[in-house]
Protein backbone atom coordinates (compact mmCIF):
# COMPACT_ATOMS: atom_id res chain seq x y z
CA MET A 1 106.91 -26.98 151.72
CA LEU A 2 103.37 -25.71 151.20
CA LEU A 3 103.32 -24.37 154.75
CA ALA A 4 106.59 -22.46 154.20
CA LYS A 5 105.20 -20.69 151.07
CA GLN A 6 102.08 -19.56 152.93
CA ASN A 7 104.22 -18.25 155.79
CA ILE A 8 106.36 -16.16 153.38
CA ARG A 9 103.26 -14.73 151.68
CA THR A 10 101.77 -13.59 154.97
CA ARG A 11 105.00 -11.84 155.99
CA LYS A 12 105.10 -9.72 152.82
CA ALA A 13 101.51 -8.53 153.15
CA GLY A 14 102.41 -5.22 154.96
CA PHE A 15 105.08 -2.86 156.22
CA THR A 16 106.98 -3.22 159.46
CA LEU A 17 106.55 -0.64 162.21
CA VAL A 18 110.11 0.62 161.66
CA GLU A 19 109.46 1.23 157.95
CA VAL A 20 106.28 3.19 158.72
CA LEU A 21 108.08 5.28 161.37
CA VAL A 22 110.92 6.12 158.99
CA VAL A 23 108.49 7.26 156.28
CA VAL A 24 106.45 9.34 158.74
CA THR A 25 109.63 10.96 160.11
CA ILE A 26 110.84 11.88 156.62
CA MET A 27 107.43 13.33 155.74
CA GLY A 28 107.47 15.39 158.94
CA ILE A 29 110.90 16.85 158.19
CA LEU A 30 109.92 17.73 154.61
CA SER A 31 106.65 19.28 155.80
CA ALA A 32 108.43 21.42 158.39
CA MET A 33 110.83 22.70 155.73
CA GLY A 34 107.90 23.48 153.45
CA VAL A 35 106.00 25.39 156.14
CA VAL A 36 108.99 27.66 156.83
CA GLY A 37 109.38 28.36 153.12
CA LEU A 38 105.66 28.98 152.74
CA GLN A 39 105.61 31.43 155.65
CA ARG A 40 108.47 33.41 154.08
CA ALA A 41 106.69 33.43 150.70
CA VAL A 42 103.47 34.68 152.32
CA ALA A 43 105.36 37.47 154.12
CA ASN A 44 107.07 38.54 150.88
CA ALA A 45 103.78 38.52 148.97
CA ARG A 46 101.96 40.55 151.62
CA VAL A 47 104.58 43.28 151.89
CA LYS A 48 104.89 43.48 148.09
CA ASP A 49 101.12 43.82 147.80
CA ALA A 50 101.09 46.59 150.42
CA ALA A 51 103.90 48.43 148.56
CA VAL A 52 102.06 48.22 145.23
CA ASN A 53 98.79 49.41 146.81
CA THR A 54 100.53 52.28 148.60
CA ALA A 55 102.33 53.40 145.42
CA ALA A 56 99.03 53.37 143.50
CA PHE A 57 97.38 55.31 146.33
CA VAL A 58 100.10 57.99 146.28
CA GLU A 59 99.70 58.33 142.50
CA ARG A 60 95.94 58.65 142.96
CA VAL A 61 96.41 61.37 145.59
CA GLY A 62 98.65 63.26 143.13
CA ASN A 63 95.97 63.00 140.44
CA GLU A 64 93.33 64.14 142.93
CA ALA A 65 95.40 67.26 143.73
CA ILE A 66 95.43 68.13 140.04
CA ARG A 67 91.72 67.34 139.62
CA MET A 68 90.74 69.45 142.63
CA SER A 69 93.35 72.12 141.81
CA ALA A 70 94.21 72.13 145.51
CA GLU A 71 97.11 71.24 147.75
CA ILE A 72 96.76 67.86 149.43
CA CYS A 73 98.91 66.18 152.06
CA LEU A 74 99.35 62.78 153.68
CA ALA A 75 99.36 62.14 157.42
CA GLN A 76 100.02 58.88 159.22
CA SER A 77 97.35 57.73 161.66
CA GLY A 78 98.66 54.81 163.71
CA ASP A 79 100.82 52.05 162.27
CA GLN A 80 98.53 51.04 159.41
CA LYS A 81 96.58 54.05 158.21
CA ILE A 82 97.27 57.08 156.00
CA LEU A 83 94.86 60.01 155.99
CA VAL A 84 94.60 62.47 153.09
CA TYR A 85 93.70 66.10 153.74
CA LYS A 86 92.84 69.03 151.52
CA VAL A 87 95.25 71.58 152.98
CA ASP A 88 93.87 74.80 154.46
CA SER A 89 97.18 75.88 155.99
CA LYS A 90 100.55 76.44 154.28
CA THR A 91 102.49 75.03 157.23
CA GLU A 92 100.55 72.04 158.58
CA CYS A 93 98.87 68.93 157.25
CA HIS A 94 95.27 69.34 158.35
CA GLY A 95 92.00 70.46 156.87
CA THR A 96 89.18 68.56 155.19
CA ARG A 97 89.79 64.82 155.19
CA ILE A 98 89.14 63.45 151.70
CA ASP A 99 90.55 59.91 151.63
CA SER A 100 92.45 57.22 153.52
CA LEU A 101 94.43 54.03 153.01
CA VAL A 102 94.63 51.13 155.45
CA ILE A 103 97.13 48.30 155.00
CA ASP A 104 96.53 44.82 156.38
CA ALA A 105 98.25 43.61 159.56
CA PRO A 106 100.96 42.62 160.29
CA ASN A 107 102.22 45.17 157.72
CA LYS A 108 102.90 48.58 159.23
CA PHE A 109 104.27 51.93 158.12
CA THR A 110 107.74 52.52 159.53
CA THR A 111 110.53 55.10 159.58
CA MET A 112 113.10 55.58 156.82
CA ALA A 113 115.92 54.53 159.13
CA ALA A 114 114.13 51.32 160.18
CA CYS A 115 113.68 50.15 156.59
CA GLY A 116 117.16 51.10 155.42
CA MET A 117 116.17 53.96 153.12
CA PRO A 118 119.02 56.42 152.40
CA ALA A 119 119.07 59.32 154.87
CA ASP A 120 118.47 61.97 152.20
CA VAL A 121 115.10 60.50 151.13
CA PRO A 122 112.27 62.37 152.89
CA ASN A 123 109.35 60.53 154.48
CA MET A 124 106.13 61.63 152.72
CA LEU A 125 104.17 60.99 155.93
CA THR A 126 106.27 62.69 158.59
CA SER A 127 108.71 65.14 156.96
CA THR A 128 108.78 68.51 158.71
CA ASP A 129 109.34 70.22 155.34
CA VAL A 130 105.86 70.80 153.88
CA ASN A 131 107.32 70.92 150.35
CA LYS A 132 108.22 67.26 150.77
CA ARG A 133 104.75 66.28 152.05
CA PHE A 134 102.35 68.47 150.09
CA PHE A 135 100.98 67.40 146.72
CA LYS A 136 100.83 70.64 144.70
CA PRO A 137 99.03 70.75 141.37
CA LYS A 138 101.31 71.52 138.40
CA THR A 139 100.16 71.78 134.80
CA GLY A 140 101.31 68.76 132.83
CA LEU A 141 103.35 67.31 135.71
CA SER A 142 102.70 65.02 138.62
CA ALA A 143 101.54 66.71 141.82
CA VAL A 144 103.54 64.20 143.86
CA PRO A 145 106.52 65.79 145.67
CA VAL A 146 109.82 65.69 143.75
CA GLU A 147 111.28 63.00 145.99
CA GLY A 148 110.13 60.94 148.95
CA ALA A 149 109.03 57.55 150.15
CA ILE A 150 106.68 55.68 152.44
CA CYS A 151 108.21 52.59 154.07
CA ILE A 152 106.32 49.44 155.03
CA GLN A 153 107.56 46.61 157.26
CA TYR A 154 106.12 43.12 157.61
CA GLY A 155 105.57 42.69 161.38
CA SER A 156 108.95 42.55 163.10
CA ASP A 157 110.61 40.69 160.18
CA GLN A 158 113.32 42.32 158.10
CA ILE A 159 111.08 42.39 155.00
CA PHE A 160 110.31 45.86 153.64
CA GLY A 161 108.28 47.52 150.92
CA ALA A 162 108.17 51.13 149.82
CA ALA A 163 106.23 53.53 147.67
CA ARG A 164 109.05 55.72 146.42
CA LYS A 165 109.27 58.78 144.17
CA LEU A 166 112.73 59.42 142.77
CA LYS A 167 114.00 62.80 141.53
CA THR A 168 114.70 61.20 138.16
CA SER A 169 111.21 59.74 137.72
CA ASN A 170 107.79 61.25 137.25
CA SER A 171 105.97 58.30 138.84
CA VAL A 172 105.82 56.56 142.19
CA ARG A 173 107.47 53.13 142.23
CA ALA A 174 106.61 50.15 144.37
CA GLN A 175 109.83 48.67 145.74
CA TRP A 176 110.84 45.74 147.95
CA LYS A 177 113.86 44.43 149.84
CA VAL A 178 114.91 42.02 152.57
CA GLY A 179 117.16 43.35 155.35
CA ASN A 180 117.57 46.92 156.55
CA ASP A 181 121.10 47.62 155.38
CA VAL A 182 121.47 51.10 153.90
CA THR A 183 123.20 51.71 150.59
CA ALA A 184 124.11 55.25 149.58
CA ASN A 185 121.79 55.42 146.58
CA GLY A 186 119.20 52.85 147.63
CA ALA A 187 120.37 50.36 144.98
CA ASP A 188 119.42 47.44 147.24
CA TRP A 189 115.72 48.21 146.65
CA MET A 190 114.13 46.22 143.82
CA ASP A 191 111.30 47.60 141.70
CA LEU A 192 108.11 45.55 141.64
């Protein structure tokens, strides 16, 4: 009887190989699910951060136009850089370079159509209409064009941010959305 009790005690001293494998498998599945969720959260945070920084930059450029009492415009330089020029021509965006903004990869500036912005919203970086790209000083009002946007995409994912000026607002808003579906009034964009 004494020998049987010792034998039972030694059997309960650890886990079987099957039990360990089951626990490790469950932990692996949960970890994989967590990594996917974490990657999505990181992508959302990065594009939101780029949208907020771009909106603040556009506001700053508007204030700089008022401070300098000069027309200023934005020009895209590659996928991740915006250049700011003091305009010396009424028809083109060139002149003395006064500032720039660079967003972190894999974020990139993209077209209005690619990010699902309504077709009537002009792109502040590439519009052929200088009135929609030039920041003109106005007494008591923002120098930012009446309406326009700058779209940002996270890599090749369908996660977008925007610095957007609406006709009904006097400030530039940072916005965000997932997917590139277009709604008529841009109601699918969420303010940050």
